[in-house]
């Protein structure tokens, strides 16, 4: 496995998103044994950056990851997130990144992950009611205490990133980035490179869409997150298939799968990003990891880059994104 650099920290350039093992997607939480085998296979392949969050489940995904890495903790870079659940009281719904909530959240995550430290600790979403300086200041204290090693943000705006980084160094930003979601190219990615912050793209396969296996939502469970995703709506799904068709055409030419092509395109965008494709199956983690060895030609990369943006908003409620 080749490596990427996130804020000066070397990591495998492909990680593993663990959310779908427990929440949000069809079949989540139905086969913990296979999910644990998937984590073990990922580690064997050098995919040692594992991503979870307290809100996945909630809590059950961290517990699952904790069981999966038992006995192999020293081989793993654990990433989790806080702020989507309020533990400190005084908040009804919404996000909570008050320092008192962070202190409660991190102790819960450490317990569920069965570890004495978290490698990457991300604010899951920006809390509009807590100054980012207070939040990141509290995270800096956790670094000093040894409970976390690196500070991360997720879906933060350029202004918030600057203010956060001025308070305590931010190592990485998580946000959606793929052939399906390229908003970060305009302002976010140049800013991260200016500040020396790494990028961890989540949903690099467009929530499964870029694999070509999902052409309608009929097979999805009633509570599958994608049923409320505007890009999977009847209005937008059919037009968005043109993206998949281009990816499939390049895949046929490159003797690869569409998923491998989508990940390889993302890897070609720079050595300061590490996508975290999510899966709960051994076969898929093997397929995704093989993208590490796929070198697309200049022409293939140009063809993919020229694809028009996806139709529809990324979320049904875009208010959860800091702007």
C-alpha atoms as a PDB file:
ATOM      1  CA  UNK A   1       0.000   0.000   0.000  1.00  0.00           C
ATOM      2  CA  UNK A   2       1.375   3.390  -0.996  1.00  0.00           C
ATOM      3  CA  UNK A   3       1.093   6.215   1.502  1.00  0.00           C
ATOM      4  CA  UNK A   4      -0.318   9.725   1.681  1.00  0.00           C
ATOM      5  CA  UNK A   5       0.593  12.575   4.004  1.00  0.00           C
ATOM      6  CA  UNK A   6      -2.081  14.239   6.122  1.00  0.00           C
ATOM      7  CA  UNK A   7      -0.752  17.331   7.829  1.00  0.00           C
ATOM      8  CA  UNK A   8       2.721  15.812   7.945  1.00  0.00           C
ATOM      9  CA  UNK A   9       1.449  12.427   9.187  1.00  0.00           C
ATOM     10  CA  UNK A  10       2.050   9.429   6.932  1.00  0.00           C
ATOM     11  CA  UNK A  11      -0.997   7.193   6.457  1.00  0.00           C
ATOM     12  CA  UNK A  12      -2.035   4.494   3.973  1.00  0.00           C
ATOM     13  CA  UNK A  13      -3.535   6.327   1.024  1.00  0.00           C
ATOM     14  CA  UNK A  14      -6.692   4.206   1.126  1.00  0.00           C
ATOM     15  CA  UNK A  15      -8.566   3.839   4.399  1.00  0.00           C
ATOM     16  CA  UNK A  16     -11.733   2.048   5.444  1.00  0.00           C
ATOM     17  CA  UNK A  17     -14.987   3.766   6.326  1.00  0.00           C
ATOM     18  CA  UNK A  18     -16.820   1.583   8.834  1.00  0.00           C
ATOM     19  CA  UNK A  19     -20.174   3.388   9.032  1.00  0.00           C
ATOM     20  CA  UNK A  20     -22.076   1.078   6.676  1.00  0.00           C
ATOM     21  CA  UNK A  21     -21.280  -1.895   8.895  1.00  0.00           C
ATOM     22  CA  UNK A  22     -23.702  -0.573  11.508  1.00  0.00           C
ATOM     23  CA  UNK A  23     -25.909   2.216  10.195  1.00  0.00           C
ATOM     24  CA  UNK A  24     -27.535   4.186   7.369  1.00  0.00           C
ATOM     25  CA  UNK A  25     -27.296   1.653   4.530  1.00  0.00           C
ATOM     26  CA  UNK A  26     -29.202  -1.440   3.487  1.00  0.00           C
ATOM     27  CA  UNK A  27     -28.052  -4.480   5.455  1.00  0.00           C
ATOM     28  CA  UNK A  28     -26.240  -2.473   8.126  1.00  0.00           C
ATOM     29  CA  UNK A  29     -25.904  -4.272  11.450  1.00  0.00           C
ATOM     30  CA  UNK A  30     -26.984  -7.644  10.075  1.00  0.00           C
ATOM     31  CA  UNK A  31     -23.629  -9.449   9.997  1.00  0.00           C
ATOM     32  CA  UNK A  32     -21.085  -8.271  12.546  1.00  0.00           C
ATOM     33  CA  UNK A  33     -18.952 -11.362  11.949  1.00  0.00           C
ATOM     34  CA  UNK A  34     -18.477 -10.461   8.275  1.00  0.00           C
ATOM     35  CA  UNK A  35     -17.824  -6.845   9.232  1.00  0.00           C
ATOM     36  CA  UNK A  36     -15.061  -7.911  11.603  1.00  0.00           C
ATOM     37  CA  UNK A  37     -13.587 -10.187   8.924  1.00  0.00           C
ATOM     38  CA  UNK A  38     -13.640  -7.159   6.610  1.00  0.00           C
ATOM     39  CA  UNK A  39     -11.662  -5.080   9.091  1.00  0.00           C
ATOM     40  CA  UNK A  40      -9.162  -7.900   9.560  1.00  0.00           C
ATOM     41  CA  UNK A  41      -8.729  -8.318   5.805  1.00  0.00           C
ATOM     42  CA  UNK A  42      -8.288  -4.564   5.409  1.00  0.00           C
ATOM     43  CA  UNK A  43      -5.507  -4.570   8.004  1.00  0.00           C
ATOM     44  CA  UNK A  44      -3.815  -7.494   6.270  1.00  0.00           C
ATOM     45  CA  UNK A  45      -3.871  -5.479   3.022  1.00  0.00           C
ATOM     46  CA  UNK A  46      -2.296  -2.453   4.675  1.00  0.00           C
ATOM     47  CA  UNK A  47      -5.537  -0.501   5.038  1.00  0.00           C
ATOM     48  CA  UNK A  48      -4.854   0.543   8.609  1.00  0.00           C
ATOM     49  CA  UNK A  49      -6.747   3.868   8.715  1.00  0.00           C
ATOM     50  CA  UNK A  50     -10.173   2.988  10.136  1.00  0.00           C
ATOM     51  CA  UNK A  51     -12.924   5.594  10.360  1.00  0.00           C
ATOM     52  CA  UNK A  52     -15.955   5.524  12.649  1.00  0.00           C
ATOM     53  CA  UNK A  53     -18.048   7.948  14.763  1.00  0.00           C
ATOM     54  CA  UNK A  54     -20.015   7.869  17.982  1.00  0.00           C
ATOM     55  CA  UNK A  55     -23.232   8.695  16.108  1.00  0.00           C
ATOM     56  CA  UNK A  56     -23.009   5.593  13.888  1.00  0.00           C
ATOM     57  CA  UNK A  57     -25.523   3.295  15.507  1.00  0.00           C
ATOM     58  CA  UNK A  58     -25.317   5.344  17.674  1.00  0.00           C
ATOM     59  CA  UNK A  59     -22.316   3.935  19.519  1.00  0.00           C
ATOM     60  CA  UNK A  60     -22.514   0.395  18.078  1.00  0.00           C
ATOM     61  CA  UNK A  61     -20.043   1.046  15.264  1.00  0.00           C
ATOM     62  CA  UNK A  62     -17.331   2.193  17.650  1.00  0.00           C
ATOM     63  CA  UNK A  63     -17.955  -0.911  19.736  1.00  0.00           C
ATOM     64  CA  UNK A  64     -17.695  -3.093  16.614  1.00  0.00           C
ATOM     65  CA  UNK A  65     -14.446  -1.453  15.530  1.00  0.00           C
ATOM     66  CA  UNK A  66     -13.101  -1.827  19.061  1.00  0.00           C
ATOM     67  CA  UNK A  67     -13.755  -5.569  18.943  1.00  0.00           C
ATOM     68  CA  UNK A  68     -12.284  -5.858  15.455  1.00  0.00           C
ATOM     69  CA  UNK A  69      -8.947  -4.255  16.358  1.00  0.00           C
ATOM     70  CA  UNK A  70      -8.514  -6.088  19.664  1.00  0.00           C
ATOM     71  CA  UNK A  71      -4.979  -7.443  19.767  1.00  0.00           C
ATOM     72  CA  UNK A  72      -3.948  -5.340  16.765  1.00  0.00           C
ATOM     73  CA  UNK A  73      -4.316  -1.813  18.121  1.00  0.00           C
ATOM     74  CA  UNK A  74      -0.672  -0.949  17.483  1.00  0.00           C
ATOM     75  CA  UNK A  75      -1.181  -1.651  13.760  1.00  0.00           C
ATOM     76  CA  UNK A  76      -4.149   0.714  13.423  1.00  0.00           C
ATOM     77  CA  UNK A  77      -4.804   4.425  12.995  1.00  0.00           C
ATOM     78  CA  UNK A  78      -8.204   4.933  14.624  1.00  0.00           C
ATOM     79  CA  UNK A  79     -10.347   7.879  13.583  1.00  0.00           C
ATOM     80  CA  UNK A  80     -13.660   8.791  15.179  1.00  0.00           C
ATOM     81  CA  UNK A  81     -15.895  11.842  15.451  1.00  0.00           C
ATOM     82  CA  UNK A  82     -17.809  13.802  18.062  1.00  0.00           C
ATOM     83  CA  UNK A  83     -20.356  16.602  18.130  1.00  0.00           C
ATOM     84  CA  UNK A  84     -23.486  15.046  16.628  1.00  0.00           C
ATOM     85  CA  UNK A  85     -24.636  13.828  20.061  1.00  0.00           C
ATOM     86  CA  UNK A  86     -25.009  15.990  23.157  1.00  0.00           C
ATOM     87  CA  UNK A  87     -23.878  14.316  26.374  1.00  0.00           C
ATOM     88  CA  UNK A  88     -23.624  17.429  28.537  1.00  0.00           C
ATOM     89  CA  UNK A  89     -27.278  18.489  28.597  1.00  0.00           C
ATOM     90  CA  UNK A  90     -28.666  21.905  27.761  1.00  0.00           C
ATOM     91  CA  UNK A  91     -28.934  21.137  24.053  1.00  0.00           C
ATOM     92  CA  UNK A  92     -31.973  19.669  22.354  1.00  0.00           C
ATOM     93  CA  UNK A  93     -31.066  18.329  18.943  1.00  0.00           C
ATOM     94  CA  UNK A  94     -28.487  19.882  16.661  1.00  0.00           C
ATOM     95  CA  UNK A  95     -24.746  19.757  17.184  1.00  0.00           C
ATOM     96  CA  UNK A  96     -22.814  20.131  20.417  1.00  0.00           C
ATOM     97  CA  UNK A  97     -19.112  20.963  20.369  1.00  0.00           C
ATOM     98  CA  UNK A  98     -18.905  22.709  23.732  1.00  0.00           C
ATOM     99  CA  UNK A  99     -15.711  21.782  25.615  1.00  0.00           C
ATOM    100  CA  UNK A 100     -17.697  20.070  28.379  1.00  0.00           C
ATOM    101  CA  UNK A 101     -19.440  17.886  25.795  1.00  0.00           C
ATOM    102  CA  UNK A 102     -16.169  17.013  24.062  1.00  0.00           C
ATOM    103  CA  UNK A 103     -14.669  15.787  27.332  1.00  0.00           C
ATOM    104  CA  UNK A 104     -17.605  13.451  27.873  1.00  0.00           C
ATOM    105  CA  UNK A 105     -17.653  12.333  24.238  1.00  0.00           C
ATOM    106  CA  UNK A 106     -13.983  11.406  24.050  1.00  0.00           C
ATOM    107  CA  UNK A 107     -14.117   9.292  27.194  1.00  0.00           C
ATOM    108  CA  UNK A 108     -17.088   7.385  25.783  1.00  0.00           C
ATOM    109  CA  UNK A 109     -15.316   6.780  22.478  1.00  0.00           C
ATOM    110  CA  UNK A 110     -12.143   5.620  24.216  1.00  0.00           C
ATOM    111  CA  UNK A 111     -14.178   3.138  26.245  1.00  0.00           C
ATOM    112  CA  UNK A 112     -16.096   1.762  23.271  1.00  0.00           C
ATOM    113  CA  UNK A 113     -12.982   1.520  21.101  1.00  0.00           C
ATOM    114  CA  UNK A 114     -11.143  -0.141  23.995  1.00  0.00           C
ATOM    115  CA  UNK A 115      -8.094   2.072  23.600  1.00  0.00           C
ATOM    116  CA  UNK A 116      -6.187   4.679  25.557  1.00  0.00           C
ATOM    117  CA  UNK A 117      -5.921   7.118  22.646  1.00  0.00           C
ATOM    118  CA  UNK A 118      -7.627   8.112  19.399  1.00  0.00           C
ATOM    119  CA  UNK A 119      -5.371   8.925  16.467  1.00  0.00           C
ATOM    120  CA  UNK A 120      -7.634  11.272  14.491  1.00  0.00           C
ATOM    121  CA  UNK A 121     -10.472  12.984  16.381  1.00  0.00           C
ATOM    122  CA  UNK A 122     -12.838  14.931  14.134  1.00  0.00           C
ATOM    123  CA  UNK A 123     -15.537  17.457  14.874  1.00  0.00           C
ATOM    124  CA  UNK A 124     -18.334  15.724  12.947  1.00  0.00           C
ATOM    125  CA  UNK A 125     -20.084  18.939  11.965  1.00  0.00           C
ATOM    126  CA  UNK A 126     -19.460  22.543  12.919  1.00  0.00           C
ATOM    127  CA  UNK A 127     -21.526  23.670  15.907  1.00  0.00           C
ATOM    128  CA  UNK A 128     -22.940  27.110  15.015  1.00  0.00           C
ATOM    129  CA  UNK A 129     -23.534  27.920  18.686  1.00  0.00           C
ATOM    130  CA  UNK A 130     -19.975  27.272  19.908  1.00  0.00           C
ATOM    131  CA  UNK A 131     -17.031  29.346  18.656  1.00  0.00           C
ATOM    132  CA  UNK A 132     -14.643  27.110  16.793  1.00  0.00           C
ATOM    133  CA  UNK A 133     -11.799  28.518  18.898  1.00  0.00           C
ATOM    134  CA  UNK A 134     -13.393  27.047  22.040  1.00  0.00           C
ATOM    135  CA  UNK A 135     -13.896  23.684  20.393  1.00  0.00           C
ATOM    136  CA  UNK A 136     -10.404  23.408  18.964  1.00  0.00           C
ATOM    137  CA  UNK A 137      -8.896  24.760  22.163  1.00  0.00           C
ATOM    138  CA  UNK A 138     -10.520  21.870  24.035  1.00  0.00           C
ATOM    139  CA  UNK A 139      -9.191  19.440  21.423  1.00  0.00           C
ATOM    140  CA  UNK A 140      -5.715  20.860  21.925  1.00  0.00           C
ATOM    141  CA  UNK A 141      -6.041  20.058  25.629  1.00  0.00           C
ATOM    142  CA  UNK A 142      -6.957  16.462  24.734  1.00  0.00           C
ATOM    143  CA  UNK A 143      -3.797  16.259  22.620  1.00  0.00           C
ATOM    144  CA  UNK A 144      -1.765  17.488  25.579  1.00  0.00           C
ATOM    145  CA  UNK A 145      -3.481  14.911  27.808  1.00  0.00           C
ATOM    146  CA  UNK A 146      -2.613  12.110  25.360  1.00  0.00           C
ATOM    147  CA  UNK A 147      -6.243  11.144  24.748  1.00  0.00           C
ATOM    148  CA  UNK A 148      -6.077  12.119  21.085  1.00  0.00           C
ATOM    149  CA  UNK A 149      -3.143  12.612  18.742  1.00  0.00           C
ATOM    150  CA  UNK A 150      -4.427  14.697  15.846  1.00  0.00           C
ATOM    151  CA  UNK A 151      -7.251  17.218  15.452  1.00  0.00           C
ATOM    152  CA  UNK A 152      -9.662  16.995  12.537  1.00  0.00           C
ATOM    153  CA  UNK A 153     -12.674  18.830  11.159  1.00  0.00           C
ATOM    154  CA  UNK A 154     -15.487  17.673   8.890  1.00  0.00           C
ATOM    155  CA  UNK A 155     -17.512  19.689   6.378  1.00  0.00           C
ATOM    156  CA  UNK A 156     -16.068  22.983   7.616  1.00  0.00           C
ATOM    157  CA  UNK A 157     -16.012  26.194   5.580  1.00  0.00           C
ATOM    158  CA  UNK A 158     -12.786  27.973   4.585  1.00  0.00           C
ATOM    159  CA  UNK A 159     -13.275  30.667   7.236  1.00  0.00           C
ATOM    160  CA  UNK A 160     -13.831  28.067   9.963  1.00  0.00           C
ATOM    161  CA  UNK A 161     -10.803  26.067   8.865  1.00  0.00           C
ATOM    162  CA  UNK A 162      -8.584  29.144   9.072  1.00  0.00           C
ATOM    163  CA  UNK A 163      -9.834  30.083  12.541  1.00  0.00           C
ATOM    164  CA  UNK A 164      -9.505  26.518  13.799  1.00  0.00           C
ATOM    165  CA  UNK A 165      -5.986  26.077  12.456  1.00  0.00           C
ATOM    166  CA  UNK A 166      -4.902  29.372  14.031  1.00  0.00           C
ATOM    167  CA  UNK A 167      -6.023  28.034  17.418  1.00  0.00           C
ATOM    168  CA  UNK A 168      -4.394  24.598  17.193  1.00  0.00           C
ATOM    169  CA  UNK A 169      -2.927  22.789  14.171  1.00  0.00           C
ATOM    170  CA  UNK A 170      -5.585  20.868  12.241  1.00  0.00           C
ATOM    171  CA  UNK A 171      -4.174  17.712  10.711  1.00  0.00           C
ATOM    172  CA  UNK A 172      -7.000  16.683   8.390  1.00  0.00           C
ATOM    173  CA  UNK A 173     -10.385  17.677   7.033  1.00  0.00           C
ATOM    174  CA  UNK A 174     -13.047  15.161   6.123  1.00  0.00           C
ATOM    175  CA  UNK A 175     -15.483  16.117   3.418  1.00  0.00           C
ATOM    176  CA  UNK A 176     -17.157  14.453   0.477  1.00  0.00           C
ATOM    177  CA  UNK A 177     -14.985  14.361  -2.630  1.00  0.00           C
ATOM    178  CA  UNK A 178     -15.307  12.126  -5.674  1.00  0.00           C
ATOM    179  CA  UNK A 179     -16.356  12.199  -9.310  1.00  0.00           C
ATOM    180  CA  UNK A 180     -19.825  12.559  -7.775  1.00  0.00           C
ATOM    181  CA  UNK A 181     -18.999  15.513  -5.491  1.00  0.00           C
ATOM    182  CA  UNK A 182     -16.296  17.974  -6.486  1.00  0.00           C
ATOM    183  CA  UNK A 183     -17.242  21.146  -4.582  1.00  0.00           C
ATOM    184  CA  UNK A 184     -13.957  21.090  -2.621  1.00  0.00           C
ATOM    185  CA  UNK A 185     -11.878  21.796  -5.721  1.00  0.00           C
ATOM    186  CA  UNK A 186     -12.830  25.475  -5.851  1.00  0.00           C
ATOM    187  CA  UNK A 187     -11.812  26.772  -2.411  1.00  0.00           C
ATOM    188  CA  UNK A 188     -11.342  24.019   0.157  1.00  0.00           C
ATOM    189  CA  UNK A 189      -8.547  22.011  -1.455  1.00  0.00           C
ATOM    190  CA  UNK A 190      -6.378  25.052  -2.290  1.00  0.00           C
ATOM    191  CA  UNK A 191      -6.801  26.310   1.290  1.00  0.00           C
ATOM    192  CA  UNK A 192      -5.851  22.948   2.790  1.00  0.00           C
ATOM    193  CA  UNK A 193      -2.700  22.919   0.694  1.00  0.00           C
ATOM    194  CA  UNK A 194      -1.884  26.477   1.728  1.00  0.00           C
ATOM    195  CA  UNK A 195      -2.186  25.526   5.409  1.00  0.00           C
ATOM    196  CA  UNK A 196      -0.621  22.071   5.140  1.00  0.00           C
ATOM    197  CA  UNK A 197      -3.801  20.217   6.133  1.00  0.00           C
ATOM    198  CA  UNK A 198      -4.600  16.809   4.646  1.00  0.00           C
ATOM    199  CA  UNK A 199      -7.906  15.797   3.068  1.00  0.00           C
ATOM    200  CA  UNK A 200      -9.826  12.613   3.894  1.00  0.00           C
ATOM    201  CA  UNK A 201     -12.551  12.244   1.260  1.00  0.00           C
ATOM    202  CA  UNK A 202     -15.556  10.269   2.490  1.00  0.00           C
ATOM    203  CA  UNK A 203     -18.032   8.591   0.128  1.00  0.00           C
ATOM    204  CA  UNK A 204     -15.385   8.365  -2.638  1.00  0.00           C
ATOM    205  CA  UNK A 205     -17.716   5.971  -4.487  1.00  0.00           C
ATOM    206  CA  UNK A 206     -20.661   8.363  -4.421  1.00  0.00           C
ATOM    207  CA  UNK A 207     -22.523   6.332  -1.779  1.00  0.00           C
ATOM    208  CA  UNK A 208     -22.151   3.284  -4.005  1.00  0.00           C
ATOM    209  CA  UNK A 209     -23.420   4.988  -7.136  1.00  0.00           C
ATOM    210  CA  UNK A 210     -20.044   5.080  -8.910  1.00  0.00           C
ATOM    211  CA  UNK A 211     -19.747   1.296  -8.713  1.00  0.00           C
ATOM    212  CA  UNK A 212     -22.480   1.009 -11.347  1.00  0.00           C
ATOM    213  CA  UNK A 213     -24.348  -1.519  -9.225  1.00  0.00           C
ATOM    214  CA  UNK A 214     -27.079   0.873  -8.062  1.00  0.00           C
ATOM    215  CA  UNK A 215     -29.285   2.165 -10.862  1.00  0.00           C
ATOM    216  CA  UNK A 216     -32.487   2.598  -8.897  1.00  0.00           C
ATOM    217  CA  UNK A 217     -33.532   2.713  -5.251  1.00  0.00           C
ATOM    218  CA  UNK A 218     -36.040  -0.141  -5.408  1.00  0.00           C
ATOM    219  CA  UNK A 219     -33.700  -2.620  -3.759  1.00  0.00           C
ATOM    220  CA  UNK A 220     -32.852  -0.361  -0.831  1.00  0.00           C
ATOM    221  CA  UNK A 221     -34.285  -0.813   2.653  1.00  0.00           C
ATOM    222  CA  UNK A 222     -36.923   1.694   3.686  1.00  0.00           C
ATOM    223  CA  UNK A 223     -34.510   3.338   6.132  1.00  0.00           C
ATOM    224  CA  UNK A 224     -31.549   3.432   3.751  1.00  0.00           C
ATOM    225  CA  UNK A 225     -30.096   6.952   3.822  1.00  0.00           C
ATOM    226  CA  UNK A 226     -29.958   7.116   0.026  1.00  0.00           C
ATOM    227  CA  UNK A 227     -33.749   7.137  -0.241  1.00  0.00           C
ATOM    228  CA  UNK A 228     -33.625  10.744   1.013  1.00  0.00           C
ATOM    229  CA  UNK A 229     -30.511  11.731  -0.942  1.00  0.00           C
ATOM    230  CA  UNK A 230     -31.532  14.253  -3.644  1.00  0.00           C
ATOM    231  CA  UNK A 231     -29.061  12.761  -6.113  1.00  0.00           C
ATOM    232  CA  UNK A 232     -30.895   9.428  -5.931  1.00  0.00           C
ATOM    233  CA  UNK A 233     -34.314  11.011  -6.500  1.00  0.00           C
ATOM    234  CA  UNK A 234     -36.355  10.198  -9.608  1.00  0.00           C
ATOM    235  CA  UNK A 235     -35.587  13.688 -10.868  1.00  0.00           C
ATOM    236  CA  UNK A 236     -31.820  13.326 -10.679  1.00  0.00           C
ATOM    237  CA  UNK A 237     -30.945   9.629 -10.713  1.00  0.00           C
ATOM    238  CA  UNK A 238     -31.372   9.105 -14.438  1.00  0.00           C
ATOM    239  CA  UNK A 239     -29.307  12.156 -15.488  1.00  0.00           C
ATOM    240  CA  UNK A 240     -26.594  11.157 -13.040  1.00  0.00           C
ATOM    241  CA  UNK A 241     -26.195   7.785 -14.708  1.00  0.00           C
ATOM    242  CA  UNK A 242     -24.115   9.550 -17.367  1.00  0.00           C
ATOM    243  CA  UNK A 243     -21.351   9.805 -14.738  1.00  0.00           C
ATOM    244  CA  UNK A 244     -21.442   6.058 -14.178  1.00  0.00           C
ATOM    245  CA  UNK A 245     -21.399   5.405 -17.918  1.00  0.00           C
ATOM    246  CA  UNK A 246     -18.180   7.391 -18.304  1.00  0.00           C
ATOM    247  CA  UNK A 247     -16.580   5.619 -15.351  1.00  0.00           C
ATOM    248  CA  UNK A 248     -17.631   2.234 -16.762  1.00  0.00           C
ATOM    249  CA  UNK A 249     -16.160   3.117 -20.155  1.00  0.00           C
ATOM    250  CA  UNK A 250     -12.799   3.962 -18.614  1.00  0.00           C
ATOM    251  CA  UNK A 251     -12.974   0.821 -16.458  1.00  0.00           C
ATOM    252  CA  UNK A 252     -13.444  -1.360 -19.526  1.00  0.00           C
ATOM    253  CA  UNK A 253     -10.450   0.290 -21.170  1.00  0.00           C
ATOM    254  CA  UNK A 254      -8.285  -0.030 -18.046  1.00  0.00           C
ATOM    255  CA  UNK A 255      -9.332  -3.625 -17.300  1.00  0.00           C
ATOM    256  CA  UNK A 256     -10.550  -2.553 -13.873  1.00  0.00           C
ATOM    257  CA  UNK A 257     -13.836  -2.190 -12.041  1.00  0.00           C
ATOM    258  CA  UNK A 258     -15.728   1.118 -11.904  1.00  0.00           C
ATOM    259  CA  UNK A 259     -15.028   1.352  -8.175  1.00  0.00           C
ATOM    260  CA  UNK A 260     -11.298   0.972  -8.759  1.00  0.00           C
ATOM    261  CA  UNK A 261     -11.364   3.655 -11.454  1.00  0.00           C
ATOM    262  CA  UNK A 262     -13.266   6.096  -9.233  1.00  0.00           C
ATOM    263  CA  UNK A 263     -10.779   5.599  -6.387  1.00  0.00           C
ATOM    264  CA  UNK A 264      -7.754   5.750  -8.708  1.00  0.00           C
ATOM    265  CA  UNK A 265      -8.963   9.082 -10.117  1.00  0.00           C
ATOM    266  CA  UNK A 266      -9.203  10.443  -6.590  1.00  0.00           C
ATOM    267  CA  UNK A 267      -5.739   9.168  -5.653  1.00  0.00           C
ATOM    268  CA  UNK A 268      -4.345  10.929  -8.701  1.00  0.00           C
ATOM    269  CA  UNK A 269      -5.480  14.281  -7.298  1.00  0.00           C
ATOM    270  CA  UNK A 270      -2.521  14.452  -4.924  1.00  0.00           C
ATOM    271  CA  UNK A 271      -0.470  12.795  -2.231  1.00  0.00           C
ATOM    272  CA  UNK A 272      -2.135  14.766   0.544  1.00  0.00           C
ATOM    273  CA  UNK A 273      -5.451  12.951   0.507  1.00  0.00           C
ATOM    274  CA  UNK A 274      -6.566   9.529   1.721  1.00  0.00           C
ATOM    275  CA  UNK A 275     -10.084   8.427   0.728  1.00  0.00           C
ATOM    276  CA  UNK A 276     -12.022   6.117   3.036  1.00  0.00           C
ATOM    277  CA  UNK A 277     -14.341   3.969   0.898  1.00  0.00           C
ATOM    278  CA  UNK A 278     -16.847   2.228   3.105  1.00  0.00           C
ATOM    279  CA  UNK A 279     -17.894  -1.397   2.970  1.00  0.00           C
ATOM    280  CA  UNK A 280     -18.951  -4.249   5.202  1.00  0.00           C
ATOM    281  CA  UNK A 281     -17.758  -7.051   2.896  1.00  0.00           C
ATOM    282  CA  UNK A 282     -14.358  -8.679   2.471  1.00  0.00           C
ATOM    283  CA  UNK A 283     -14.736  -8.875  -1.315  1.00  0.00           C
ATOM    284  CA  UNK A 284     -15.337  -5.145  -1.585  1.00  0.00           C
ATOM    285  CA  UNK A 285     -12.400  -4.138   0.584  1.00  0.00           C
ATOM    286  CA  UNK A 286     -10.196  -6.330  -1.615  1.00  0.00           C
ATOM    287  CA  UNK A 287     -11.619  -4.706  -4.748  1.00  0.00           C
ATOM    288  CA  UNK A 288     -11.227  -1.183  -3.409  1.00  0.00           C
ATOM    289  CA  UNK A 289      -7.696  -1.736  -2.162  1.00  0.00           C
ATOM    290  CA  UNK A 290      -6.613  -2.953  -5.592  1.00  0.00           C
ATOM    291  CA  UNK A 291      -7.088   0.633  -6.809  1.00  0.00           C
ATOM    292  CA  UNK A 292      -3.743   1.365  -5.123  1.00  0.00           C
ATOM    293  CA  UNK A 293      -2.012  -0.408  -8.019  1.00  0.00           C
ATOM    294  CA  UNK A 294      -4.113   1.140 -10.807  1.00  0.00           C
ATOM    295  CA  UNK A 295      -2.396   3.902 -12.760  1.00  0.00           C
ATOM    296  CA  UNK A 296      -4.795   5.619 -15.119  1.00  0.00           C
ATOM    297  CA  UNK A 297      -3.398   7.209 -18.266  1.00  0.00           C
ATOM    298  CA  UNK A 298      -3.319  10.958 -18.782  1.00  0.00           C
ATOM    299  CA  UNK A 299      -6.131  10.607 -21.293  1.00  0.00           C
ATOM    300  CA  UNK A 300      -8.264   8.520 -18.962  1.00  0.00           C
ATOM    301  CA  UNK A 301      -7.789  10.994 -16.117  1.00  0.00           C
ATOM    302  CA  UNK A 302      -8.701  13.876 -18.421  1.00  0.00           C
ATOM    303  CA  UNK A 303     -11.843  12.085 -19.595  1.00  0.00           C
ATOM    304  CA  UNK A 304     -12.962  11.516 -16.013  1.00  0.00           C
ATOM    305  CA  UNK A 305     -12.122  15.040 -14.922  1.00  0.00           C
ATOM    306  CA  UNK A 306     -14.212  16.420 -17.782  1.00  0.00           C
ATOM    307  CA  UNK A 307     -17.405  14.756 -16.491  1.00  0.00           C
ATOM    308  CA  UNK A 308     -20.054  17.354 -15.678  1.00  0.00           C
ATOM    309  CA  UNK A 309     -21.094  17.755 -12.012  1.00  0.00           C
ATOM    310  CA  UNK A 310     -23.799  15.536 -10.529  1.00  0.00           C
ATOM    311  CA  UNK A 311     -27.358  16.850 -10.495  1.00  0.00           C
ATOM    312  CA  UNK A 312     -28.983  17.533  -7.124  1.00  0.00           C
ATOM    313  CA  UNK A 313     -27.776  18.648  -3.706  1.00  0.00           C
ATOM    314  CA  UNK A 314     -25.483  16.384  -1.670  1.00  0.00           C
ATOM    315  CA  UNK A 315     -27.897  16.248   1.267  1.00  0.00           C
ATOM    316  CA  UNK A 316     -31.595  16.689   1.744  1.00  0.00           C
ATOM    317  CA  UNK A 317     -30.792  19.232   4.470  1.00  0.00           C
ATOM    318  CA  UNK A 318     -27.754  21.267   3.443  1.00  0.00           C
ATOM    319  CA  UNK A 319     -28.073  23.328   6.649  1.00  0.00           C
ATOM    320  CA  UNK A 320     -25.857  20.744   8.348  1.00  0.00           C
ATOM    321  CA  UNK A 321     -22.931  21.920   6.226  1.00  0.00           C
ATOM    322  CA  UNK A 322     -20.891  24.845   7.566  1.00  0.00           C
ATOM    323  CA  UNK A 323     -20.845  27.815   5.241  1.00  0.00           C
END
